[in-house]
Amino acid sequence: MSGHRALSVGLFLVLSISSSVYGRDRPAAREAFKKARQYHEQLLQTPESDRNLQKKYSRAIFLYRTVIDHDPTYSACDDALYAMGTLYEEMANRFTNAPYRDRAIYYYNFVADQYPLTKHKKPALERAKLLQQEQVIPEPPPDPPPMARSQQTGLANVSEIRYWSNEEYTRVVVQLDREIEFQKHILSNPNRIYFDLQDTRLRSALNGKTYPVNDVFIKQVRVAQNTSTTVRLVLDFEKINKHTVFALYDPFRIVIDTSGGKRPPATSQVAERTFTTEEAVLSLETGTDTAVRVSETPIIPSSNLNGDLSLTRVLGLKVGRIVIDPGHGGGDTGTIGPSGLKEKDLVLSISKRLKILLEERLGTDVVLTRDTDKFVPLEQRTAIANQLGADLFISVHANSSKIRRVSGVETFYLNLTSNAEEREVASRENASSQRNIRELEDLLKQIALGDYNEESNDLAHIVQQSLYSEVKAHHPILRNRGVKKAPFIVLINLNMPGILTEVGFLSNPSEEKYFTGKQGQAQVAEALYKGIEKYFHSLGTVPSQSTANISGIRRD
């Protein structure tokens, strides 16, 4: 009897799978590497006087990155990653920009970690160690770029400035719409650090603003248009303490952390302020429990929801890297709401917001399987997560039903199912799969022997509860459809816990309206973030930075 049941489930899986060929584009990766190497060789012959030199470096890095985009399993991917590290190192030396140095270190360590047999491992680790030991000495400010160049290339825009703090440190984040060069300078009497952001402009709503931080680390933050093409950001201090400056990408952000000493107990509450060009301000919940610090005492993981301890918890394994998978993309629109909102656009927006929250609050390395409107085969999404050695995989989708009144959120983890409704959802999400029917037996084995089902089940329950409770506060008619299991192709053969979350029904006019506004999208991202953070704590993973408990949503 059980054998007949397994066969019927397997036949369902077959019917939901396309018979196209497997989706990695090896020829495109090979051609991309050839093109990148040729461009790199030409770049080496470019004179220092070429005023577009920095852009040419960025172009070379982009070309190498496309190799991995086409096929992360291609044999030259390690060569491409190592070349990206060398290019960032050369940019750091030529243009005296600390973020380039940080990116070089990142790629050197990444290629050594992810490709342990590569010939580049030893030199990559040596270069990373050397760069970490070097002290970056601030250079005198360069002359402002000529107006003609700025008009020709366009200026970057500062979209917002925000900060938050706890007992250990204060973080200031400057977000821009593109990557820029900037210089840091330290002055005394009075004590301050200022940053000149090149080829950048402020809108009138931000120009000349002063933001009072008034904590132990920073007195205030000031920003103004210093020249026609340079924005100056100033941090005022009573005493300049230890500080670090680095960049985050997608979107580009300059992050300034300052620490040293202890904040008085009376001011131990977390505070955050966000200042957009429209001067929208976050409303906050403050309290001593909203700050997460790095603990000197190891935190013992809690039991799984079934009362046992999985091998992950017995071994004390933690989360360091997360892959977020915005469903669909390109010609695969996913479901489309009555008013025309496309699932592919909605989940990409939510995923980008979630990425920022995880990076800035938890200090987690986050990668998106797609960050533009492009099609990525389901199997390649899994390969990206495995290739990067991710610790969690979160696939974000929106649901659909023939009955428009159906609504609510639900979260899935990988397993076989005989439930018709769960099969329908899996069939819809598996529609773009490029697996073949002859692979059925292997697929069934991979589902049945899933090594991370227990942790995926826990992750699904924690995220589902957070998604429901947080979003329902803003969208009262929301239903909790619970945690379910289904054979999603995108979750098969993951080397980590993974879930697929359906954040709502676009087929329901009320839910589509909620999702159409950026506020609703931000609330969903916030809910997903809080669920992931709670899962972190269940494993004993202590975030590397503080987090603010945001109850309001900024306007974009």
Protein backbone atom coordinates (compact mmCIF):
# COMPACT_ATOMS: atom_id res chain seq x y z
CA MET A 1 0.00 0.00 0.00
CA SER A 2 2.74 2.39 0.92
CA GLY A 3 4.50 1.55 -2.33
CA HIS A 4 1.43 2.47 -4.41
CA ARG A 5 1.10 5.74 -2.50
CA ALA A 6 4.73 6.68 -3.15
CA LEU A 7 4.25 5.94 -6.83
CA SER A 8 1.17 8.17 -7.07
CA VAL A 9 3.02 11.02 -5.42
CA GLY A 10 5.92 10.44 -7.78
CA LEU A 11 3.66 10.56 -10.81
CA PHE A 12 2.29 13.89 -9.62
CA LEU A 13 5.85 15.18 -9.43
CA VAL A 14 6.51 14.00 -12.97
CA LEU A 15 3.50 15.85 -14.33
CA SER A 16 4.66 19.11 -12.78
CA ILE A 17 8.13 18.97 -14.32
CA SER A 18 9.11 20.25 -17.74
CA SER A 19 11.15 18.10 -20.10
CA SER A 20 13.56 20.84 -21.10
CA VAL A 21 17.30 20.39 -20.79
CA TYR A 22 19.15 21.35 -17.63
CA GLY A 23 19.53 25.11 -17.24
CA ARG A 24 23.25 25.87 -16.69
CA ASP A 25 24.67 27.79 -19.64
CA ARG A 26 28.22 26.42 -19.90
CA PRO A 27 28.94 27.86 -23.39
CA ALA A 28 27.86 31.32 -22.22
CA ALA A 29 30.11 31.03 -19.15
CA ARG A 30 33.05 29.98 -21.32
CA GLU A 31 32.48 32.89 -23.70
CA ALA A 32 32.04 35.33 -20.80
CA PHE A 33 35.36 34.26 -19.27
CA LYS A 34 37.12 34.69 -22.59
CA LYS A 35 35.66 38.18 -22.98
CA ALA A 36 36.54 39.15 -19.40
CA ARG A 37 40.14 37.98 -19.75
CA GLN A 38 40.60 39.88 -23.02
CA TYR A 39 39.21 43.05 -21.44
CA HIS A 40 41.47 42.56 -18.40
CA GLU A 41 44.54 42.28 -20.62
CA GLN A 42 43.59 45.51 -22.39
CA LEU A 43 43.06 47.20 -19.04
CA LEU A 44 46.63 46.41 -17.99
CA GLN A 45 47.83 48.51 -20.94
CA THR A 46 45.67 51.52 -20.02
CA PRO A 47 47.72 54.59 -18.96
CA GLU A 48 47.25 56.16 -15.52
CA SER A 49 46.17 59.39 -17.21
CA ASP A 50 42.99 57.79 -18.57
CA ARG A 51 40.24 59.57 -16.65
CA ASN A 52 37.86 56.63 -17.18
CA LEU A 53 40.32 54.19 -15.62
CA GLN A 54 38.24 53.53 -12.52
CA LYS A 55 35.16 52.79 -14.61
CA LYS A 56 37.18 50.39 -16.72
CA TYR A 57 38.22 48.50 -13.60
CA SER A 58 34.58 48.25 -12.56
CA ARG A 59 33.70 47.01 -16.05
CA ALA A 60 36.34 44.27 -15.84
CA ILE A 61 34.99 43.12 -12.48
CA PHE A 62 31.47 43.06 -13.88
CA LEU A 63 32.58 40.90 -16.83
CA TYR A 64 34.21 38.36 -14.53
CA ARG A 65 31.08 38.28 -12.37
CA THR A 66 28.95 37.30 -15.38
CA VAL A 67 30.96 34.08 -15.65
CA ILE A 68 29.58 32.92 -12.30
CA ASP A 69 26.11 34.19 -13.23
CA HIS A 70 26.03 31.97 -16.32
CA ASP A 71 27.31 28.82 -14.61
CA PRO A 72 28.63 28.78 -11.02
CA THR A 73 29.99 25.24 -11.60
CA TYR A 74 32.17 26.19 -14.60
CA SER A 75 35.81 25.22 -14.11
CA ALA A 76 37.09 28.80 -14.56
CA CYS A 77 34.90 30.31 -11.83
CA ASP A 78 37.80 30.23 -9.37
CA ASP A 79 39.97 32.09 -11.90
CA ALA A 80 37.24 34.70 -12.32
CA LEU A 81 36.83 35.22 -8.57
CA TYR A 82 40.58 35.49 -7.99
CA ALA A 83 40.82 38.02 -10.83
CA MET A 84 38.06 40.07 -9.18
CA GLY A 85 40.12 40.11 -5.99
CA THR A 86 43.23 41.34 -7.80
CA LEU A 87 41.25 44.04 -9.59
CA TYR A 88 39.75 45.33 -6.33
CA GLU A 89 43.22 45.33 -4.77
CA GLU A 90 44.61 47.36 -7.68
CA MET A 91 41.69 49.79 -7.35
CA ALA A 92 42.39 50.19 -3.62
CA ASN A 93 46.02 51.03 -4.36
CA ARG A 94 45.34 53.33 -7.29
CA PHE A 95 42.32 55.17 -5.98
CA THR A 96 43.01 55.04 -2.21
CA ASN A 97 39.54 53.80 -1.38
CA ALA A 98 39.11 51.58 1.69
CA PRO A 99 35.94 49.79 0.46
CA TYR A 100 37.88 48.46 -2.54
CA ARG A 101 40.41 46.96 -0.14
CA ASP A 102 37.57 45.31 1.81
CA ARG A 103 36.11 43.84 -1.38
CA ALA A 104 39.52 42.47 -2.39
CA ILE A 105 39.86 40.73 0.98
CA TYR A 106 36.34 39.35 0.62
CA TYR A 107 36.96 37.80 -2.81
CA TYR A 108 40.37 36.41 -1.86
CA ASN A 109 38.88 34.67 1.17
CA PHE A 110 35.82 33.60 -0.80
CA VAL A 111 37.72 31.82 -3.57
CA ALA A 112 39.98 30.09 -1.02
CA ASP A 113 37.01 28.95 1.06
CA GLN A 114 34.67 27.87 -1.73
CA TYR A 115 37.30 26.33 -4.05
CA PRO A 116 39.69 24.57 -1.62
CA LEU A 117 41.52 22.75 -4.44
CA THR A 118 42.13 25.83 -6.57
CA LYS A 119 45.67 26.85 -7.45
CA HIS A 120 44.76 30.33 -6.24
CA LYS A 121 44.12 29.29 -2.62
CA LYS A 122 47.59 29.97 -1.22
CA PRO A 123 48.21 33.32 -2.99
CA ALA A 124 44.64 34.44 -2.25
CA LEU A 125 45.01 33.83 1.48
CA GLU A 126 48.42 35.50 1.49
CA ARG A 127 47.07 38.57 -0.31
CA ALA A 128 44.08 38.78 2.04
CA LYS A 129 46.32 38.56 5.11
CA LEU A 130 48.66 41.23 3.77
CA LEU A 131 45.80 43.60 2.96
CA GLN A 132 44.32 43.15 6.43
CA GLN A 133 47.65 44.07 8.00
CA GLU A 134 48.12 47.20 5.95
CA GLN A 135 47.07 50.49 7.48
CA VAL A 136 45.14 52.80 5.22
CA ILE A 137 46.56 56.33 5.50
CA PRO A 138 44.10 59.08 4.50
CA GLU A 139 45.14 60.98 1.42
CA PRO A 140 44.73 64.73 1.00
CA PRO A 141 41.43 65.60 -0.67
CA PRO A 142 41.69 65.71 -4.44
CA ASP A 143 40.60 68.67 -6.49
CA PRO A 144 36.89 68.59 -7.32
CA PRO A 145 36.18 66.78 -10.58
CA PRO A 146 35.55 69.08 -13.55
CA MET A 147 31.95 70.07 -14.10
CA ALA A 148 32.05 68.82 -17.67
CA ARG A 149 32.83 65.31 -16.46
CA SER A 150 30.04 65.36 -13.88
CA GLN A 151 27.54 66.55 -16.44
CA GLN A 152 28.68 63.87 -18.84
CA THR A 153 28.59 60.94 -16.42
CA GLY A 154 25.82 62.05 -14.06
CA LEU A 155 25.96 62.34 -10.29
CA ALA A 156 25.07 59.80 -7.64
CA ASN A 157 22.25 60.67 -5.25
CA VAL A 158 22.19 60.22 -1.49
CA SER A 159 18.80 58.57 -0.93
CA GLU A 160 18.85 58.46 2.87
CA ILE A 161 20.93 58.65 6.04
CA ARG A 162 20.12 56.54 9.07
CA TYR A 163 21.70 55.49 12.35
CA TRP A 164 21.12 53.20 15.29
CA SER A 165 23.00 52.46 18.48
CA ASN A 166 23.29 50.24 21.53
CA GLU A 167 25.64 49.87 24.49
CA GLU A 168 28.55 48.74 22.36
CA TYR A 169 28.62 50.95 19.30
CA THR A 170 26.80 53.36 17.00
CA ARG A 171 26.33 52.74 13.28
CA VAL A 172 25.69 55.39 10.63
CA VAL A 173 24.60 54.30 7.14
CA VAL A 174 24.61 56.49 4.03
CA GLN A 175 22.67 54.94 1.15
CA LEU A 176 23.22 55.99 -2.47
CA ASP A 177 21.80 54.98 -5.81
CA ARG A 178 25.19 53.87 -7.17
CA GLU A 179 28.76 53.09 -6.12
CA ILE A 180 31.03 56.10 -5.57
CA GLU A 181 34.51 57.06 -4.40
CA PHE A 182 34.90 58.76 -1.04
CA GLN A 183 37.69 59.94 1.27
CA LYS A 184 37.83 59.99 5.06
CA HIS A 185 39.59 62.69 7.11
CA ILE A 186 40.07 63.15 10.86
CA LEU A 187 40.27 66.57 12.52
CA SER A 188 40.54 67.80 16.11
CA ASN A 189 39.46 70.92 18.03
CA PRO A 190 36.63 70.13 17.70
CA ASN A 191 36.88 66.36 17.21
CA ARG A 192 35.25 65.19 14.02
CA ILE A 193 35.54 62.80 11.10
CA TYR A 194 34.34 63.93 7.72
CA PHE A 195 33.78 62.11 4.47
CA ASP A 196 33.85 63.68 1.01
CA LEU A 197 31.59 61.76 -1.35
CA GLN A 198 32.77 62.35 -4.91
CA ASP A 199 30.49 62.84 -7.91
CA THR A 200 27.51 62.98 -5.56
CA ARG A 201 24.69 65.39 -4.86
CA LEU A 202 22.05 65.99 -2.19
CA ARG A 203 18.47 66.90 -2.78
CA SER A 204 17.25 70.04 -1.08
CA ALA A 205 15.43 68.07 1.64
CA LEU A 206 18.75 66.71 2.94
CA ASN A 207 21.13 69.57 2.21
CA GLY A 208 22.38 71.27 5.38
CA LYS A 209 20.69 68.84 7.75
CA THR A 210 21.98 68.15 11.26
CA TYR A 211 20.87 64.96 12.99
CA PRO A 212 21.37 64.82 16.77
CA VAL A 213 22.61 61.40 17.87
CA ASN A 214 23.69 62.54 21.36
CA ASP A 215 25.15 59.32 22.67
CA VAL A 216 28.52 58.36 24.11
CA PHE A 217 30.01 57.73 20.68
CA ILE A 218 28.63 60.43 18.37
CA LYS A 219 27.23 63.87 19.13
CA GLN A 220 25.63 64.57 15.77
CA VAL A 221 25.71 63.88 12.04
CA ARG A 222 25.81 66.74 9.53
CA VAL A 223 25.50 66.62 5.77
CA ALA A 224 25.75 69.29 3.07
CA GLN A 225 26.62 69.88 -0.57
CA ASN A 226 30.25 71.01 -0.21
CA THR A 227 30.90 71.66 -3.90
CA SER A 228 28.75 71.21 -6.97
CA THR A 229 29.91 67.57 -7.22
CA THR A 230 30.94 66.70 -3.66
CA VAL A 231 28.78 65.90 -0.63
CA ARG A 232 30.41 66.25 2.78
CA LEU A 233 29.26 64.10 5.70
CA VAL A 234 30.53 65.11 9.15
CA LEU A 235 30.41 63.10 12.38
CA ASP A 236 31.01 65.21 15.51
CA PHE A 237 32.52 63.57 18.61
CA GLU A 238 33.39 64.46 22.17
CA LYS A 239 36.23 61.98 21.79
CA ILE A 240 37.07 60.03 18.65
CA ASN A 241 36.94 56.34 19.54
CA LYS A 242 37.70 53.23 17.57
CA HIS A 243 35.87 53.28 14.26
CA THR A 244 35.61 51.28 11.06
CA VAL A 245 34.34 52.20 7.61
CA PHE A 246 33.22 49.76 4.95
CA ALA A 247 30.79 49.45 2.05
CA LEU A 248 27.79 47.24 1.38
CA TYR A 249 26.37 46.66 -2.07
CA ASP A 250 23.00 46.25 -3.81
CA PRO A 251 22.20 49.01 -2.94
CA PHE A 252 25.51 50.79 -2.34
CA ARG A 253 25.90 51.94 1.27
CA ILE A 254 28.73 53.51 3.24
CA VAL A 255 28.71 52.14 6.79
CA ILE A 256 30.51 53.86 9.69
CA ASP A 257 30.77 52.00 13.00
CA THR A 258 32.21 53.71 16.08
CA SER A 259 32.77 52.05 19.45
CA GLY A 260 34.85 52.20 22.62
CA GLY A 261 33.99 52.49 26.27
CA LYS A 262 30.64 51.64 27.84
CA ARG A 263 27.40 53.50 27.56
CA PRO A 264 25.77 54.38 30.90
CA PRO A 265 23.00 51.90 31.84
CA ALA A 266 20.32 54.59 31.66
CA THR A 267 20.87 54.97 27.92
CA SER A 268 20.98 51.30 27.02
CA GLN A 269 17.88 51.47 24.85
CA VAL A 270 18.17 50.98 21.14
CA ALA A 271 17.44 54.02 19.01
CA GLU A 272 17.21 54.37 15.26
CA ARG A 273 16.37 57.27 13.01
CA THR A 274 15.93 57.26 9.26
CA PHE A 275 16.04 60.44 7.20
CA THR A 276 14.90 60.18 3.62
CA THR A 277 14.68 62.95 1.10
CA GLU A 278 11.03 63.32 2.14
CA GLU A 279 12.13 63.52 5.80
CA ALA A 280 10.14 60.45 6.78
CA VAL A 281 11.00 59.32 10.30
CA LEU A 282 10.71 55.84 11.71
CA SER A 283 8.55 55.27 14.75
CA LEU A 284 10.35 53.00 17.18
CA GLU A 285 9.78 50.57 19.97
CA THR A 286 12.65 50.96 22.40
CA GLY A 287 13.71 48.64 25.16
CA THR A 288 16.69 46.81 26.53
CA ASP A 289 15.63 43.60 24.82
CA THR A 290 15.93 45.07 21.32
CA ALA A 291 19.70 45.16 21.23
CA VAL A 292 21.60 42.01 20.37
CA ARG A 293 25.23 41.90 21.41
CA VAL A 294 28.03 39.50 20.64
CA SER A 295 28.17 37.27 23.70
CA GLU A 296 31.41 36.19 25.33
CA THR A 297 29.60 33.14 26.78
CA PRO A 298 28.51 30.57 24.16
CA ILE A 299 24.73 30.28 23.88
CA ILE A 300 23.40 26.72 24.05
CA PRO A 301 20.97 25.96 21.21
CA SER A 302 17.38 25.22 22.17
CA SER A 303 15.74 21.91 21.28
CA ASN A 304 13.97 21.42 17.98
CA LEU A 305 10.21 21.83 17.98
CA ASN A 306 9.83 18.04 18.31
CA GLY A 307 11.82 18.11 21.55
CA ASP A 308 14.96 16.49 20.13
CA LEU A 309 18.29 18.01 19.14
CA SER A 310 19.19 17.77 15.45
CA LEU A 311 22.77 17.08 14.45
CA THR A 312 23.03 20.76 13.48
CA ARG A 313 22.32 21.73 17.10
CA VAL A 314 24.40 18.96 18.66
CA LEU A 315 27.42 20.17 16.69
CA GLY A 316 26.68 23.79 17.59
CA LEU A 317 26.51 24.90 13.94
CA LYS A 318 25.58 28.53 13.29
CA VAL A 319 24.27 30.68 10.43
CA GLY A 320 26.77 32.86 8.56
CA ARG A 321 25.42 33.15 5.02
CA ILE A 322 21.86 33.28 3.71
CA VAL A 323 20.65 32.95 0.12
CA ILE A 324 17.34 34.67 -0.58
CA ASP A 325 15.53 33.49 -3.69
CA PRO A 326 13.01 35.93 -5.23
CA GLY A 327 10.72 33.62 -7.18
CA HIS A 328 10.16 33.73 -10.95
CA GLY A 329 11.62 36.57 -13.07
CA GLY A 330 12.05 37.54 -16.71
CA GLY A 331 9.47 35.88 -18.93
CA ASP A 332 8.23 33.87 -15.94
CA THR A 333 5.98 36.46 -14.29
CA GLY A 334 4.48 34.15 -11.69
CA THR A 335 0.92 34.96 -10.71
CA ILE A 336 -0.60 38.31 -11.72
CA GLY A 337 -3.13 40.13 -9.54
CA PRO A 338 -6.49 41.52 -10.76
CA SER A 339 -4.95 45.01 -11.02
CA GLY A 340 -1.81 43.81 -12.77
CA LEU A 341 0.72 43.43 -9.93
CA LYS A 342 3.18 40.71 -10.96
CA GLU A 343 4.53 38.20 -8.48
CA LYS A 344 8.06 38.47 -9.90
CA ASP A 345 8.17 42.23 -9.17
CA LEU A 346 6.61 41.96 -5.71
CA VAL A 347 8.90 39.23 -4.39
CA LEU A 348 12.01 40.93 -5.79
CA SER A 349 11.14 44.13 -3.93
CA ILE A 350 10.50 42.23 -0.68
CA SER A 351 13.71 40.21 -1.07
CA LYS A 352 15.85 43.30 -1.63
CA ARG A 353 14.42 44.90 1.50
CA LEU A 354 14.99 41.70 3.48
CA LYS A 355 18.60 41.56 2.29
CA ILE A 356 19.28 45.05 3.63
CA LEU A 357 17.70 44.25 7.00
CA LEU A 358 19.73 41.08 7.45
CA GLU A 359 23.01 42.69 6.42
CA GLU A 360 22.68 45.83 8.47
CA ARG A 361 21.11 44.39 11.63
CA LEU A 362 22.60 40.92 11.88
CA GLY A 363 25.86 41.42 10.00
CA THR A 364 24.97 38.39 7.87
CA ASP A 365 26.36 37.69 4.41
CA VAL A 366 23.30 37.70 2.12
CA VAL A 367 23.12 36.76 -1.57
CA LEU A 368 20.10 37.07 -3.89
CA THR A 369 19.63 34.46 -6.61
CA ARG A 370 18.52 37.35 -8.81
CA ASP A 371 18.61 41.09 -8.20
CA THR A 372 17.06 42.16 -11.50
CA ASP A 373 14.11 41.07 -13.62
CA LYS A 374 15.77 38.04 -15.18
CA PHE A 375 14.89 34.37 -15.45
CA VAL A 376 16.93 31.97 -13.33
CA PRO A 377 16.17 28.23 -13.70
CA LEU A 378 14.95 26.57 -10.51
CA GLU A 379 17.87 24.15 -10.45
CA GLN A 380 20.38 26.98 -10.84
CA ARG A 381 18.92 28.72 -7.78
CA THR A 382 19.68 25.61 -5.74
CA ALA A 383 23.15 25.39 -7.29
CA ILE A 384 23.90 29.00 -6.36
CA ALA A 385 23.08 28.32 -2.71
CA ASN A 386 25.16 25.14 -2.62
CA GLN A 387 28.08 26.69 -4.49
CA LEU A 388 28.21 29.62 -2.08
CA GLY A 389 28.08 27.34 0.95
CA ALA A 390 24.95 29.03 2.30
CA ASP A 391 23.59 28.12 5.73
CA LEU A 392 19.94 29.01 5.00
CA PHE A 393 17.83 29.22 1.84
CA ILE A 394 14.65 31.33 1.78
CA SER A 395 12.52 31.30 -1.40
CA VAL A 396 9.96 34.12 -1.51
CA HIS A 397 6.74 33.77 -3.51
CA ALA A 398 3.15 35.04 -3.69
CA ASN A 399 0.18 32.71 -3.97
CA SER A 400 -2.83 32.43 -6.27
CA SER A 401 -6.25 30.77 -6.22
CA LYS A 402 -9.16 30.44 -8.62
CA ILE A 403 -11.37 31.56 -5.72
CA ARG A 404 -10.63 35.25 -5.19
CA ARG A 405 -11.69 35.37 -1.56
CA VAL A 406 -8.94 32.90 -0.56
CA SER A 407 -6.21 34.72 1.37
CA GLY A 408 -3.43 34.27 3.90
CA VAL A 409 0.21 33.33 4.36
CA GLU A 410 1.75 29.87 4.35
CA THR A 411 5.25 28.44 4.47
CA PHE A 412 6.52 25.18 2.99
CA TYR A 413 9.42 22.86 3.60
CA LEU A 414 10.52 19.95 1.41
CA ASN A 415 8.70 16.65 1.68
CA LEU A 416 6.30 14.44 -0.23
CA THR A 417 2.59 15.09 0.18
CA SER A 418 -0.73 13.54 -0.78
CA ASN A 419 -2.66 16.74 -0.06
CA ALA A 420 -4.28 18.05 -3.26
CA GLU A 421 -3.97 21.72 -2.32
CA GLU A 422 -0.28 21.39 -1.43
CA ARG A 423 0.27 19.55 -4.73
CA GLU A 424 -1.39 22.39 -6.64
CA VAL A 425 0.93 24.98 -5.11
CA ALA A 426 4.00 22.83 -5.84
CA SER A 427 2.85 22.23 -9.41
CA ARG A 428 2.50 25.97 -10.03
CA GLU A 429 5.89 26.84 -8.53
CA ASN A 430 7.61 23.91 -10.31
CA ALA A 431 6.24 24.90 -13.73
CA SER A 432 9.53 26.43 -14.89
CA SER A 433 11.62 23.43 -13.85
CA GLN A 434 14.03 22.00 -16.41
CA ARG A 435 14.32 18.52 -14.91
CA ASN A 436 13.65 15.45 -17.07
CA ILE A 437 11.22 12.60 -16.39
CA ARG A 438 14.11 10.13 -16.31
CA GLU A 439 15.35 11.92 -13.17
CA LEU A 440 12.25 10.93 -11.15
CA GLU A 441 13.89 8.14 -9.15
CA ASP A 442 16.79 10.33 -8.07
CA LEU A 443 14.43 13.17 -7.17
CA LEU A 444 12.33 10.91 -4.98
CA LYS A 445 15.44 9.66 -3.19
CA GLN A 446 16.67 13.20 -2.61
CA ILE A 447 13.33 14.22 -1.12
CA ALA A 448 13.04 11.14 1.09
CA LEU A 449 16.62 11.43 2.35
CA GLY A 450 16.58 15.18 2.92
CA ASP A 451 19.30 15.81 5.53
CA TYR A 452 17.89 19.13 6.68
CA ASN A 453 14.17 18.40 6.94
CA GLU A 454 14.11 18.77 10.73
CA GLU A 455 15.77 22.19 10.68
CA SER A 456 13.72 23.24 7.66
CA ASN A 457 10.57 22.30 9.56
CA ASP A 458 11.65 24.46 12.52
CA LEU A 459 12.64 27.35 10.27
CA ALA A 460 9.29 27.14 8.46
CA HIS A 461 7.28 27.23 11.70
CA ILE A 462 9.24 30.15 13.16
CA VAL A 463 9.08 32.23 9.97
CA GLN A 464 5.40 31.42 9.42
CA GLN A 465 4.45 32.55 12.92
CA SER A 466 6.40 35.79 12.53
CA LEU A 467 5.01 36.45 9.06
CA TYR A 468 1.45 35.97 10.24
CA SER A 469 1.60 37.85 13.55
CA GLU A 470 3.61 40.82 12.24
CA VAL A 471 1.68 41.37 9.01
CA LYS A 472 -1.74 40.80 10.61
CA ALA A 473 -1.12 43.85 12.82
CA HIS A 474 -1.19 45.97 9.64
CA HIS A 475 -3.53 43.79 7.53
CA PRO A 476 -6.21 42.50 9.96
CA ILE A 477 -8.03 40.20 7.53
CA LEU A 478 -4.90 38.08 7.03
CA ARG A 479 -5.34 34.32 7.56
CA ASN A 480 -2.76 31.93 8.96
CA ARG A 481 -2.66 29.00 6.54
CA GLY A 482 0.10 27.30 8.50
CA VAL A 483 3.19 25.28 7.67
CA LYS A 484 2.95 22.68 4.92
CA LYS A 485 5.16 20.28 3.05
CA ALA A 486 5.48 19.82 -0.71
CA PRO A 487 8.04 18.63 -3.31
CA PHE A 488 9.33 21.97 -4.57
CA ILE A 489 12.12 21.59 -7.12
CA VAL A 490 13.89 24.67 -5.79
CA LEU A 491 14.24 22.97 -2.37
CA ILE A 492 15.48 19.60 -3.63
CA ASN A 493 19.15 18.76 -3.01
CA LEU A 494 19.88 21.81 -0.89
CA ASN A 495 22.90 21.42 1.36
CA MET A 496 21.25 23.54 4.05
CA PRO A 497 17.84 24.12 5.67
CA GLY A 498 15.46 25.72 3.18
CA ILE A 499 11.88 26.95 3.01
CA LEU A 500 9.50 28.46 0.49
CA THR A 501 7.18 31.13 1.85
CA GLU A 502 4.00 32.33 0.15
CA VAL A 503 3.54 35.85 1.53
CA GLY A 504 -0.09 36.23 0.43
CA PHE A 505 -2.57 35.77 -2.41
CA LEU A 506 -2.21 38.18 -5.33
CA SER A 507 -5.46 36.74 -6.67
CA ASN A 508 -7.25 38.31 -3.69
CA PRO A 509 -7.98 42.00 -4.56
CA SER A 510 -7.56 43.12 -0.95
CA GLU A 511 -4.17 41.45 -0.55
CA GLU A 512 -3.01 42.71 -3.94
CA LYS A 513 -3.90 46.25 -2.84
CA TYR A 514 -1.92 45.77 0.39
CA PHE A 515 1.11 44.54 -1.55
CA THR A 516 0.94 47.33 -4.14
CA GLY A 517 2.07 49.91 -1.58
CA LYS A 518 5.73 50.03 -0.61
CA GLN A 519 4.67 50.17 3.03
CA GLY A 520 3.07 46.73 2.78
CA GLN A 521 6.15 45.31 1.07
CA ALA A 522 8.39 46.73 3.79
CA GLN A 523 6.15 45.26 6.51
CA VAL A 524 6.41 41.80 4.96
CA ALA A 525 10.21 42.10 4.74
CA GLU A 526 10.29 43.16 8.39
CA ALA A 527 8.16 40.15 9.37
CA LEU A 528 10.41 37.73 7.49
CA TYR A 529 13.47 39.32 9.09
CA LYS A 530 12.10 38.88 12.61
CA GLY A 531 11.36 35.21 11.93
CA ILE A 532 14.88 34.59 10.66
CA GLU A 533 16.33 36.45 13.64
CA LYS A 534 14.32 34.24 16.02
CA TYR A 535 15.63 31.15 14.24
CA PHE A 536 19.16 32.51 14.69
CA HIS A 537 18.62 32.58 18.43
CA SER A 538 17.18 29.07 18.51
CA LEU A 539 20.51 27.85 17.09
CA GLY A 540 22.53 29.95 19.50
CA THR A 541 23.71 32.17 16.65
CA VAL A 542 24.45 35.61 18.08
CA PRO A 543 24.23 38.35 15.43
CA SER A 544 27.49 40.20 14.89
CA GLN A 545 25.86 43.61 15.14
CA SER A 546 22.95 45.21 16.96
CA THR A 547 19.41 45.37 15.75
CA ALA A 548 16.66 47.89 16.21
CA ASN A 549 13.07 46.77 16.69
CA ILE A 550 11.32 48.87 14.08
CA SER A 551 7.58 49.25 14.35
CA GLY A 552 7.21 51.87 11.63
CA ILE A 553 8.06 51.74 7.96
CA ARG A 554 9.95 54.41 6.08
CA ARG A 555 8.51 56.04 2.99
CA ASP A 556 10.58 55.69 -0.16
